[in-house]
Amino acid sequence: QVQLVESGGGLVQPGGSLRLSCAASGFTLDNYLIGWFRQAPGKEREGISCIASSDGSTYYVDSVKGRFTISRDNAKNTVYLQMNNLKPEDTAVYYCAAVQTRSDYVFVLFRQCVFPQRYDYWGQGTQVTVSS
């Protein structure tokens, strides 16, 4: 059974940090393009970062660039999202997603990896709340 499980969310003060994990079971993540998305109440799901399996290239949207870092540990079959200098506007449910596609670095290069419809597998989400 293919499954993605996010963890690491919680309540943090502005300026704080969290590290989200996305653990896969039933398949090997190192063959998949992985994206991180978030959805705030009343808003559409937003792609914020992605990492290719082919060359490890990454992409970040402007709102998180310089604060968030995506990485993958193929040995642990897990992808991470390190989030620093968190802001109240980062409050949302965070999801990871996966899709197996050839030359996935192209999707990263041309910023096509932040569209939810490109992904086949989704986790259940983890809540991140940034508040004082």
Foldseek 3Di string as FASTA:
>chain_A
DWAWAKDWADEAAQQAKIKIKIAIPPDQQLQKKKWKWWDDPPGDIWTAKIAHSPPRDMDGDPVQPPFWDWDDDRVRSMIMIIGGRDDQVVWTWMKMFIDRDPPCVVCRVVVVSTDVVRTDHMHPTDTHGYHD
